[in-house]
Amino acid sequence: MAKHPDDRDLFPGALEIMILKSLRLKPMHGYALVKHIKQVSDNLLQVEEGSLYPALQRMLREGLLESEEGTSAKGRPTRIYSVTEAGLQHLEKEVLSFEKMFAGITRVLAFDKA
């Protein structure tokens, strides 16, 4: 399927930040995370399940998340993810890094040569 011209790939680490920030609010299963990010971004961000689940697995291995068996709203077995203390510390560090990068990009975009 071809990408829409307005679609952009996320910068490295963006998905991780969004997962950690979302799970900081409350534990969720994967599909709920996809819906949450889409809703909060006012449909500007679309997270594909094909990129979400590998990221969740990597973050579990790194100790940023933990998971437990749960049940979806439709009564199906599912895995519920929550952020760990290490994940919260990682989130804080990554948000600071993103804010610095964003400030730099903003300065470059605002610069006009006289």
C-alpha atoms as a PDB file:
ATOM      1  CA  MET A   1       0.000   0.000   0.000  1.00  0.00           C
ATOM      2  CA  ALA A   2       1.421   3.380  -1.018  1.00  0.00           C
ATOM      3  CA  LYS A   3       2.025   6.046   1.579  1.00  0.00           C
ATOM      4  CA  HIS A   4      -0.050   9.192   1.517  1.00  0.00           C
ATOM      5  CA  PRO A   5       2.182  12.178   0.609  1.00  0.00           C
ATOM      6  CA  ASP A   6       1.369  13.878   3.939  1.00  0.00           C
ATOM      7  CA  ASP A   7       2.461  10.816   5.964  1.00  0.00           C
ATOM      8  CA  ARG A   8       5.860  11.091   7.604  1.00  0.00           C
ATOM      9  CA  ASP A   9       7.910   8.511   9.423  1.00  0.00           C
ATOM     10  CA  LEU A  10       8.478   9.179  13.108  1.00  0.00           C
ATOM     11  CA  PHE A  11      11.948  10.228  14.220  1.00  0.00           C
ATOM     12  CA  PRO A  12      13.931   7.546  16.065  1.00  0.00           C
ATOM     13  CA  GLY A  13      12.671   7.231  19.615  1.00  0.00           C
ATOM     14  CA  ALA A  14       9.324   8.951  18.987  1.00  0.00           C
ATOM     15  CA  LEU A  15       7.290   5.758  19.249  1.00  0.00           C
ATOM     16  CA  GLU A  16       9.101   4.813  22.446  1.00  0.00           C
ATOM     17  CA  ILE A  17       8.350   8.217  24.003  1.00  0.00           C
ATOM     18  CA  MET A  18       4.680   7.988  23.037  1.00  0.00           C
ATOM     19  CA  ILE A  19       4.361   4.458  24.433  1.00  0.00           C
ATOM     20  CA  LEU A  20       5.989   5.389  27.734  1.00  0.00           C
ATOM     21  CA  LYS A  21       4.023   8.625  28.073  1.00  0.00           C
ATOM     22  CA  SER A  22       0.735   6.827  27.313  1.00  0.00           C
ATOM     23  CA  LEU A  23       1.402   3.970  29.713  1.00  0.00           C
ATOM     24  CA  ARG A  24       2.361   6.479  32.395  1.00  0.00           C
ATOM     25  CA  LEU A  25      -1.332   7.435  32.443  1.00  0.00           C
ATOM     26  CA  LYS A  26      -2.568   3.858  32.825  1.00  0.00           C
ATOM     27  CA  PRO A  27      -1.685   0.301  31.784  1.00  0.00           C
ATOM     28  CA  MET A  28      -3.033  -0.633  28.336  1.00  0.00           C
ATOM     29  CA  HIS A  29      -2.967  -3.405  25.774  1.00  0.00           C
ATOM     30  CA  GLY A  30      -1.458  -2.816  22.344  1.00  0.00           C
ATOM     31  CA  TYR A  31      -4.628  -1.967  20.446  1.00  0.00           C
ATOM     32  CA  ALA A  32      -5.643   0.508  23.175  1.00  0.00           C
ATOM     33  CA  LEU A  33      -2.221   2.173  22.796  1.00  0.00           C
ATOM     34  CA  VAL A  34      -2.742   2.545  19.042  1.00  0.00           C
ATOM     35  CA  LYS A  35      -6.177   4.093  19.605  1.00  0.00           C
ATOM     36  CA  HIS A  36      -4.928   6.353  22.417  1.00  0.00           C
ATOM     37  CA  ILE A  37      -2.058   7.801  20.362  1.00  0.00           C
ATOM     38  CA  LYS A  38      -4.331   8.344  17.366  1.00  0.00           C
ATOM     39  CA  GLN A  39      -7.002  10.040  19.491  1.00  0.00           C
ATOM     40  CA  VAL A  40      -4.645  12.246  21.529  1.00  0.00           C
ATOM     41  CA  SER A  41      -2.823  13.361  18.362  1.00  0.00           C
ATOM     42  CA  ASP A  42      -6.175  14.302  16.792  1.00  0.00           C
ATOM     43  CA  ASN A  43      -5.584  11.667  14.093  1.00  0.00           C
ATOM     44  CA  LEU A  44      -2.262  13.235  13.058  1.00  0.00           C
ATOM     45  CA  LEU A  45      -0.253  10.180  14.136  1.00  0.00           C
ATOM     46  CA  GLN A  46      -0.973   6.651  12.978  1.00  0.00           C
ATOM     47  CA  VAL A  47       0.957   3.924  14.764  1.00  0.00           C
ATOM     48  CA  GLU A  48       1.002   0.684  12.817  1.00  0.00           C
ATOM     49  CA  GLU A  49       0.642  -2.481  14.854  1.00  0.00           C
ATOM     50  CA  GLY A  50       3.571  -3.875  12.842  1.00  0.00           C
ATOM     51  CA  SER A  51       5.880  -1.316  14.433  1.00  0.00           C
ATOM     52  CA  LEU A  52       4.158  -1.158  17.834  1.00  0.00           C
ATOM     53  CA  TYR A  53       4.498  -4.792  18.887  1.00  0.00           C
ATOM     54  CA  PRO A  54       8.219  -5.142  18.091  1.00  0.00           C
ATOM     55  CA  ALA A  55       8.801  -1.901  20.040  1.00  0.00           C
ATOM     56  CA  LEU A  56       6.802  -3.250  23.001  1.00  0.00           C
ATOM     57  CA  GLN A  57       8.814  -6.492  22.981  1.00  0.00           C
ATOM     58  CA  ARG A  58      12.120  -4.610  22.845  1.00  0.00           C
ATOM     59  CA  MET A  59      11.026  -2.319  25.677  1.00  0.00           C
ATOM     60  CA  LEU A  60      10.021  -5.351  27.767  1.00  0.00           C
ATOM     61  CA  ARG A  61      13.494  -6.877  27.231  1.00  0.00           C
ATOM     62  CA  GLU A  62      15.127  -3.570  28.202  1.00  0.00           C
ATOM     63  CA  GLY A  63      13.116  -3.397  31.439  1.00  0.00           C
ATOM     64  CA  LEU A  64      11.261  -0.217  30.447  1.00  0.00           C
ATOM     65  CA  LEU A  65       7.912  -2.033  30.512  1.00  0.00           C
ATOM     66  CA  GLU A  66       6.340  -4.963  32.248  1.00  0.00           C
ATOM     67  CA  SER A  67       3.295  -6.928  31.197  1.00  0.00           C
ATOM     68  CA  GLU A  68       0.664  -9.224  32.586  1.00  0.00           C
ATOM     69  CA  GLU A  69      -2.114 -11.330  31.187  1.00  0.00           C
ATOM     70  CA  GLY A  70      -5.427  -9.534  30.986  1.00  0.00           C
ATOM     71  CA  THR A  71      -8.753  -9.487  29.196  1.00  0.00           C
ATOM     72  CA  SER A  72      -9.786  -7.058  26.490  1.00  0.00           C
ATOM     73  CA  ALA A  73     -13.085  -5.150  26.543  1.00  0.00           C
ATOM     74  CA  LYS A  74     -14.415  -7.867  24.209  1.00  0.00           C
ATOM     75  CA  GLY A  75     -13.461 -10.607  26.662  1.00  0.00           C
ATOM     76  CA  ARG A  76     -10.427 -11.858  24.745  1.00  0.00           C
ATOM     77  CA  PRO A  77      -7.140 -12.702  26.431  1.00  0.00           C
ATOM     78  CA  THR A  78      -4.582  -9.960  25.951  1.00  0.00           C
ATOM     79  CA  ARG A  79      -1.311  -8.649  27.339  1.00  0.00           C
ATOM     80  CA  ILE A  80      -1.534  -5.475  29.429  1.00  0.00           C
ATOM     81  CA  TYR A  81       1.584  -3.284  29.431  1.00  0.00           C
ATOM     82  CA  SER A  82       2.696  -0.897  32.156  1.00  0.00           C
ATOM     83  CA  VAL A  83       5.734   1.321  32.578  1.00  0.00           C
ATOM     84  CA  THR A  84       8.455   0.468  35.101  1.00  0.00           C
ATOM     85  CA  GLU A  85      10.474   2.870  37.243  1.00  0.00           C
ATOM     86  CA  ALA A  86      13.329   2.442  34.757  1.00  0.00           C
ATOM     87  CA  GLY A  87      10.878   3.300  31.996  1.00  0.00           C
ATOM     88  CA  LEU A  88       9.843   6.508  33.754  1.00  0.00           C
ATOM     89  CA  GLN A  89      13.479   7.540  34.154  1.00  0.00           C
ATOM     90  CA  HIS A  90      14.129   6.748  30.491  1.00  0.00           C
ATOM     91  CA  LEU A  91      11.065   8.773  29.468  1.00  0.00           C
ATOM     92  CA  GLU A  92      12.285  11.823  31.376  1.00  0.00           C
ATOM     93  CA  LYS A  93      15.708  11.618  29.709  1.00  0.00           C
ATOM     94  CA  GLU A  94      14.240  11.122  26.229  1.00  0.00           C
ATOM     95  CA  VAL A  95      11.750  14.000  26.599  1.00  0.00           C
ATOM     96  CA  LEU A  96      14.580  16.365  27.575  1.00  0.00           C
ATOM     97  CA  SER A  97      16.582  15.204  24.548  1.00  0.00           C
ATOM     98  CA  PHE A  98      13.557  15.682  22.264  1.00  0.00           C
ATOM     99  CA  GLU A  99      12.894  19.170  23.643  1.00  0.00           C
ATOM    100  CA  LYS A 100      16.501  20.198  22.878  1.00  0.00           C
ATOM    101  CA  MET A 101      16.263  18.780  19.348  1.00  0.00           C
ATOM    102  CA  PHE A 102      12.900  20.496  18.779  1.00  0.00           C
ATOM    103  CA  ALA A 103      14.296  23.831  20.018  1.00  0.00           C
ATOM    104  CA  GLY A 104      17.190  23.535  17.572  1.00  0.00           C
ATOM    105  CA  ILE A 105      14.940  22.689  14.643  1.00  0.00           C
ATOM    106  CA  THR A 106      12.615  25.569  15.553  1.00  0.00           C
ATOM    107  CA  ARG A 107      15.560  27.985  15.572  1.00  0.00           C
ATOM    108  CA  VAL A 108      16.737  26.800  12.152  1.00  0.00           C
ATOM    109  CA  LEU A 109      13.222  27.107  10.681  1.00  0.00           C
ATOM    110  CA  ALA A 110      12.786  30.600  12.157  1.00  0.00           C
ATOM    111  CA  PHE A 111      16.145  31.882  10.904  1.00  0.00           C
ATOM    112  CA  ASP A 112      15.951  34.339   8.035  1.00  0.00           C
ATOM    113  CA  LYS A 113      19.093  35.749   6.547  1.00  0.00           C
ATOM    114  CA  ALA A 114      18.775  39.532   6.364  1.00  0.00           C
END
